Amino acid sequence: MDAISLNAEPESQKIAILLHVIGKGYQEIYNTFNEVSSASTNEILAKFEAYFVHQRNITYECQKLFLLVQREGKFADDFITELLKQLRSFDYGSTNDSVSVDKLVRVA
């Protein structure tokens, strides 16, 4: 809100301006948020970010990992890099190493 010198204005005015600027469609999304009456502008923006951030599809990510195979003519290093990349996109926590070894053994 620096660009239009609203930093000194009350939060309620900042939120009113934000809602005016974003338009009716986004106001409807805003109306679905909980606990907005006492929220700051930054908290409202965080709620919008959480609303729009893509949620990972765990089933899809897991399936991608288990369908991953080393293609003919593809170097082992490239396959391992792809495997590790897929493991990072789906956090297996402390079992990452075990899953990596299992996948490599199945491919070999």
N, C-alpha and C. Protein backbone atom coordinates (compact mmCIF):
# COMPACT_ATOMS: atom_id res chain seq x y z
N MET A 1 0.82 -1.20 0.00
CA MET A 1 0.00 0.00 0.00
C MET A 1 0.86 1.26 0.00
N ASP A 2 2.15 1.09 -0.18
CA ASP A 2 3.06 2.23 -0.22
C ASP A 2 2.80 3.17 -1.39
N ALA A 3 2.45 2.61 -2.54
CA ALA A 3 2.34 3.40 -3.77
C ALA A 3 1.32 4.52 -3.65
N ILE A 4 0.30 4.34 -2.84
CA ILE A 4 -0.71 5.40 -2.71
C ILE A 4 -0.77 5.97 -1.29
N SER A 5 0.29 5.80 -0.55
CA SER A 5 0.44 6.38 0.80
C SER A 5 -0.69 6.01 1.74
N LEU A 6 -0.99 4.73 1.85
CA LEU A 6 -2.04 4.28 2.75
C LEU A 6 -1.49 3.64 4.02
N ASN A 7 -0.19 3.65 4.19
CA ASN A 7 0.40 2.98 5.35
C ASN A 7 -0.10 3.54 6.67
N ALA A 8 -0.41 4.81 6.73
CA ALA A 8 -0.86 5.43 7.98
C ALA A 8 -2.36 5.27 8.19
N GLU A 9 -3.07 4.79 7.20
CA GLU A 9 -4.53 4.65 7.30
C GLU A 9 -4.91 3.43 8.14
N PRO A 10 -6.12 3.44 8.70
CA PRO A 10 -6.57 2.30 9.50
C PRO A 10 -6.69 1.03 8.63
N GLU A 11 -6.51 -0.12 9.26
CA GLU A 11 -6.60 -1.39 8.55
C GLU A 11 -7.95 -1.55 7.85
N SER A 12 -9.01 -1.11 8.48
CA SER A 12 -10.34 -1.27 7.88
C SER A 12 -10.43 -0.53 6.54
N GLN A 13 -9.80 0.64 6.45
CA GLN A 13 -9.82 1.39 5.20
C GLN A 13 -8.96 0.69 4.14
N LYS A 14 -7.81 0.17 4.55
CA LYS A 14 -6.95 -0.56 3.61
C LYS A 14 -7.69 -1.78 3.04
N ILE A 15 -8.39 -2.49 3.92
CA ILE A 15 -9.12 -3.68 3.48
C ILE A 15 -10.26 -3.30 2.55
N ALA A 16 -10.95 -2.21 2.86
CA ALA A 16 -12.04 -1.74 2.00
C ALA A 16 -11.52 -1.39 0.61
N ILE A 17 -10.38 -0.74 0.55
CA ILE A 17 -9.78 -0.39 -0.75
C ILE A 17 -9.36 -1.66 -1.49
N LEU A 18 -8.75 -2.59 -0.78
CA LEU A 18 -8.34 -3.85 -1.39
C LEU A 18 -9.55 -4.56 -2.00
N LEU A 19 -10.64 -4.66 -1.25
CA LEU A 19 -11.83 -5.34 -1.74
C LEU A 19 -12.44 -4.62 -2.94
N HIS A 20 -12.36 -3.30 -2.95
CA HIS A 20 -12.86 -2.53 -4.10
C HIS A 20 -12.02 -2.81 -5.34
N VAL A 21 -10.72 -2.84 -5.15
CA VAL A 21 -9.80 -3.01 -6.29
C VAL A 21 -9.87 -4.42 -6.87
N ILE A 22 -10.02 -5.44 -6.04
CA ILE A 22 -9.97 -6.81 -6.55
C ILE A 22 -11.25 -7.22 -7.27
N GLY A 23 -12.34 -6.56 -7.03
CA GLY A 23 -13.56 -6.85 -7.77
C GLY A 23 -14.48 -7.84 -7.09
N LYS A 24 -15.69 -7.95 -7.68
CA LYS A 24 -16.77 -8.72 -7.07
C LYS A 24 -16.46 -10.22 -6.94
N GLY A 25 -15.86 -10.82 -7.96
CA GLY A 25 -15.56 -12.25 -7.90
C GLY A 25 -14.67 -12.60 -6.73
N TYR A 26 -13.67 -11.77 -6.48
CA TYR A 26 -12.77 -12.02 -5.37
C TYR A 26 -13.40 -11.63 -4.04
N GLN A 27 -14.33 -10.71 -4.06
CA GLN A 27 -15.05 -10.37 -2.84
C GLN A 27 -15.87 -11.56 -2.36
N GLU A 28 -16.41 -12.32 -3.31
CA GLU A 28 -17.16 -13.52 -2.94
C GLU A 28 -16.25 -14.55 -2.27
N ILE A 29 -15.02 -14.67 -2.76
CA ILE A 29 -14.05 -15.56 -2.12
C ILE A 29 -13.72 -15.04 -0.72
N TYR A 30 -13.53 -13.72 -0.62
CA TYR A 30 -13.24 -13.09 0.67
C TYR A 30 -14.35 -13.41 1.68
N ASN A 31 -15.59 -13.41 1.22
CA ASN A 31 -16.72 -13.67 2.12
C ASN A 31 -16.74 -15.10 2.65
N THR A 32 -15.97 -15.99 2.05
CA THR A 32 -15.90 -17.37 2.56
C THR A 32 -14.83 -17.54 3.64
N PHE A 33 -13.98 -16.54 3.81
CA PHE A 33 -12.90 -16.64 4.80
C PHE A 33 -13.45 -16.51 6.22
N ASN A 34 -12.84 -17.23 7.14
CA ASN A 34 -13.20 -17.14 8.56
C ASN A 34 -12.37 -16.05 9.23
N GLU A 35 -12.91 -15.48 10.28
CA GLU A 35 -12.20 -14.53 11.15
C GLU A 35 -11.57 -13.36 10.39
N VAL A 36 -12.34 -12.71 9.54
CA VAL A 36 -11.79 -11.58 8.80
C VAL A 36 -12.11 -10.24 9.45
N SER A 37 -13.04 -10.23 10.39
CA SER A 37 -13.45 -8.95 10.99
C SER A 37 -12.31 -8.29 11.75
N SER A 38 -11.41 -9.08 12.32
CA SER A 38 -10.30 -8.49 13.07
C SER A 38 -8.96 -8.70 12.37
N ALA A 39 -8.99 -9.16 11.13
CA ALA A 39 -7.75 -9.47 10.41
C ALA A 39 -7.12 -8.21 9.82
N SER A 40 -5.80 -8.25 9.71
CA SER A 40 -5.07 -7.14 9.08
C SER A 40 -5.05 -7.36 7.57
N THR A 41 -4.59 -6.35 6.85
CA THR A 41 -4.49 -6.46 5.40
C THR A 41 -3.56 -7.62 5.03
N ASN A 42 -2.44 -7.73 5.71
CA ASN A 42 -1.50 -8.82 5.42
C ASN A 42 -2.12 -10.19 5.70
N GLU A 43 -2.92 -10.29 6.74
CA GLU A 43 -3.59 -11.56 7.04
C GLU A 43 -4.61 -11.90 5.96
N ILE A 44 -5.31 -10.89 5.45
CA ILE A 44 -6.27 -11.10 4.36
C ILE A 44 -5.53 -11.57 3.11
N LEU A 45 -4.42 -10.92 2.79
CA LEU A 45 -3.63 -11.32 1.62
C LEU A 45 -3.11 -12.75 1.79
N ALA A 46 -2.73 -13.12 3.00
CA ALA A 46 -2.26 -14.48 3.26
C ALA A 46 -3.39 -15.49 3.05
N LYS A 47 -4.61 -15.12 3.42
CA LYS A 47 -5.76 -16.00 3.20
C LYS A 47 -6.01 -16.20 1.71
N PHE A 48 -5.88 -15.12 0.92
CA PHE A 48 -6.02 -15.25 -0.53
C PHE A 48 -4.92 -16.15 -1.09
N GLU A 49 -3.71 -15.97 -0.62
CA GLU A 49 -2.60 -16.79 -1.11
C GLU A 49 -2.85 -18.26 -0.80
N ALA A 50 -3.29 -18.55 0.41
CA ALA A 50 -3.57 -19.93 0.79
C ALA A 50 -4.71 -20.50 -0.06
N TYR A 51 -5.67 -19.67 -0.41
CA TYR A 51 -6.80 -20.11 -1.22
C TYR A 51 -6.35 -20.51 -2.63
N PHE A 52 -5.43 -19.72 -3.20
CA PHE A 52 -5.05 -19.93 -4.59
C PHE A 52 -3.82 -20.81 -4.80
N VAL A 53 -3.06 -21.07 -3.77
CA VAL A 53 -1.86 -21.88 -3.93
C VAL A 53 -2.28 -23.31 -4.26
N HIS A 54 -1.63 -23.86 -5.26
CA HIS A 54 -1.93 -25.22 -5.72
C HIS A 54 -1.60 -26.22 -4.62
N GLN A 55 -2.57 -27.04 -4.29
CA GLN A 55 -2.34 -28.09 -3.32
C GLN A 55 -1.83 -29.33 -4.04
N ARG A 56 -0.84 -30.00 -3.46
CA ARG A 56 -0.30 -31.20 -4.09
C ARG A 56 -1.29 -32.34 -4.03
N ASN A 57 -1.38 -33.07 -5.12
CA ASN A 57 -2.19 -34.27 -5.18
C ASN A 57 -1.27 -35.44 -4.82
N ILE A 58 -1.34 -35.88 -3.59
CA ILE A 58 -0.43 -36.88 -3.07
C ILE A 58 -0.54 -38.19 -3.85
N THR A 59 -1.76 -38.60 -4.17
CA THR A 59 -1.95 -39.84 -4.92
C THR A 59 -1.28 -39.76 -6.28
N TYR A 60 -1.44 -38.63 -6.96
CA TYR A 60 -0.84 -38.43 -8.28
C TYR A 60 0.69 -38.46 -8.19
N GLU A 61 1.25 -37.74 -7.22
CA GLU A 61 2.71 -37.70 -7.06
C GLU A 61 3.27 -39.09 -6.76
N CYS A 62 2.58 -39.85 -5.94
CA CYS A 62 3.01 -41.20 -5.60
C CYS A 62 2.96 -42.10 -6.84
N GLN A 63 1.90 -41.98 -7.61
CA GLN A 63 1.75 -42.78 -8.83
C GLN A 63 2.85 -42.45 -9.84
N LYS A 64 3.17 -41.15 -9.97
CA LYS A 64 4.25 -40.75 -10.88
C LYS A 64 5.56 -41.40 -10.47
N LEU A 65 5.81 -41.46 -9.18
CA LEU A 65 7.05 -42.07 -8.70
C LEU A 65 7.09 -43.56 -9.05
N PHE A 66 6.01 -44.26 -8.78
CA PHE A 66 6.03 -45.70 -8.99
C PHE A 66 5.93 -46.10 -10.46
N LEU A 67 5.51 -45.19 -11.32
CA LEU A 67 5.52 -45.47 -12.76
C LEU A 67 6.83 -45.07 -13.43
N LEU A 68 7.69 -44.41 -12.68
CA LEU A 68 8.96 -43.95 -13.22
C LEU A 68 9.87 -45.14 -13.53
N VAL A 69 10.29 -45.24 -14.78
CA VAL A 69 11.19 -46.32 -15.19
C VAL A 69 12.32 -45.74 -16.02
N GLN A 70 13.42 -46.45 -16.03
CA GLN A 70 14.55 -46.01 -16.84
C GLN A 70 14.27 -46.43 -18.28
N ARG A 71 14.17 -45.47 -19.16
CA ARG A 71 13.89 -45.73 -20.57
C ARG A 71 15.13 -46.26 -21.27
N GLU A 72 14.89 -47.02 -22.30
CA GLU A 72 16.00 -47.55 -23.09
C GLU A 72 16.82 -46.41 -23.68
N GLY A 73 18.12 -46.51 -23.54
CA GLY A 73 19.01 -45.49 -24.05
C GLY A 73 19.24 -44.33 -23.10
N LYS A 74 18.53 -44.32 -21.98
CA LYS A 74 18.69 -43.25 -20.99
C LYS A 74 19.78 -43.66 -19.99
N PHE A 75 20.67 -42.74 -19.70
CA PHE A 75 21.76 -43.02 -18.77
C PHE A 75 21.22 -43.22 -17.36
N ALA A 76 21.91 -44.07 -16.59
CA ALA A 76 21.52 -44.34 -15.20
C ALA A 76 21.55 -43.06 -14.38
N ASP A 77 22.55 -42.20 -14.62
CA ASP A 77 22.64 -40.94 -13.87
C ASP A 77 21.40 -40.07 -14.10
N ASP A 78 20.92 -40.04 -15.35
CA ASP A 78 19.73 -39.25 -15.66
C ASP A 78 18.50 -39.82 -14.96
N PHE A 79 18.40 -41.15 -14.93
CA PHE A 79 17.28 -41.79 -14.25
C PHE A 79 17.32 -41.50 -12.75
N ILE A 80 18.49 -41.62 -12.15
CA ILE A 80 18.62 -41.36 -10.71
C ILE A 80 18.28 -39.91 -10.40
N THR A 81 18.71 -38.99 -11.26
CA THR A 81 18.38 -37.57 -11.07
C THR A 81 16.87 -37.38 -11.12
N GLU A 82 16.20 -38.00 -12.08
CA GLU A 82 14.74 -37.90 -12.20
C GLU A 82 14.06 -38.52 -10.98
N LEU A 83 14.58 -39.64 -10.52
CA LEU A 83 14.04 -40.30 -9.34
C LEU A 83 14.15 -39.41 -8.11
N LEU A 84 15.31 -38.82 -7.90
CA LEU A 84 15.51 -37.95 -6.74
C LEU A 84 14.64 -36.70 -6.84
N LYS A 85 14.48 -36.18 -8.04
CA LYS A 85 13.60 -35.01 -8.25
C LYS A 85 12.16 -35.36 -7.87
N GLN A 86 11.70 -36.54 -8.29
CA GLN A 86 10.34 -36.97 -7.97
C GLN A 86 10.18 -37.21 -6.47
N LEU A 87 11.20 -37.75 -5.83
CA LEU A 87 11.15 -37.96 -4.38
C LEU A 87 11.03 -36.64 -3.64
N ARG A 88 11.71 -35.60 -4.14
CA ARG A 88 11.62 -34.28 -3.49
C ARG A 88 10.23 -33.68 -3.66
N SER A 89 9.57 -33.95 -4.79
CA SER A 89 8.25 -33.37 -5.00
C SER A 89 7.19 -34.06 -4.13
N PHE A 90 7.49 -35.26 -3.68
CA PHE A 90 6.59 -35.97 -2.79
C PHE A 90 7.39 -36.37 -1.57
N ASP A 91 7.23 -35.68 -0.48
CA ASP A 91 8.07 -35.85 0.70
C ASP A 91 7.74 -37.16 1.42
N TYR A 92 8.63 -38.11 1.31
CA TYR A 92 8.48 -39.37 2.02
C TYR A 92 9.11 -39.32 3.41
N GLY A 93 9.61 -38.16 3.78
CA GLY A 93 10.20 -38.00 5.10
C GLY A 93 11.44 -38.86 5.28
N SER A 94 11.51 -39.55 6.38
CA SER A 94 12.70 -40.34 6.70
C SER A 94 12.82 -41.59 5.84
N THR A 95 11.81 -41.92 5.06
CA THR A 95 11.87 -43.13 4.22
C THR A 95 12.37 -42.85 2.81
N ASN A 96 12.77 -41.61 2.51
CA ASN A 96 13.25 -41.27 1.16
C ASN A 96 14.34 -42.21 0.68
N ASP A 97 15.36 -42.47 1.51
CA ASP A 97 16.46 -43.33 1.09
C ASP A 97 15.97 -44.75 0.81
N SER A 98 15.10 -45.25 1.67
CA SER A 98 14.58 -46.60 1.50
C SER A 98 13.77 -46.71 0.22
N VAL A 99 12.94 -45.73 -0.05
CA VAL A 99 12.13 -45.73 -1.27
C VAL A 99 13.03 -45.65 -2.49
N SER A 100 14.09 -44.84 -2.43
CA SER A 100 15.04 -44.72 -3.54
C SER A 100 15.68 -46.06 -3.85
N VAL A 101 16.16 -46.74 -2.82
CA VAL A 101 16.81 -48.04 -3.01
C VAL A 101 15.81 -49.05 -3.57
N ASP A 102 14.60 -49.08 -3.03
CA ASP A 102 13.57 -50.00 -3.52
C ASP A 102 13.30 -49.78 -5.00
N LYS A 103 13.20 -48.53 -5.39
CA LYS A 103 12.91 -48.19 -6.78
C LYS A 103 14.08 -48.60 -7.68
N LEU A 104 15.29 -48.34 -7.24
CA LEU A 104 16.47 -48.71 -8.04
C LEU A 104 16.59 -50.23 -8.18
N VAL A 105 16.29 -50.97 -7.12
CA VAL A 105 16.37 -52.43 -7.17
C VAL A 105 15.33 -52.98 -8.13
N ARG A 106 14.13 -52.43 -8.14
CA ARG A 106 13.08 -52.89 -9.05
C ARG A 106 13.44 -52.67 -10.50
N VAL A 107 14.13 -51.56 -10.77
CA VAL A 107 14.49 -51.21 -12.15
C VAL A 107 15.63 -52.09 -12.64
N ALA A 108 16.55 -52.43 -11.75
CA ALA A 108 17.76 -53.17 -12.15
C ALA A 108 17.49 -54.55 -12.60
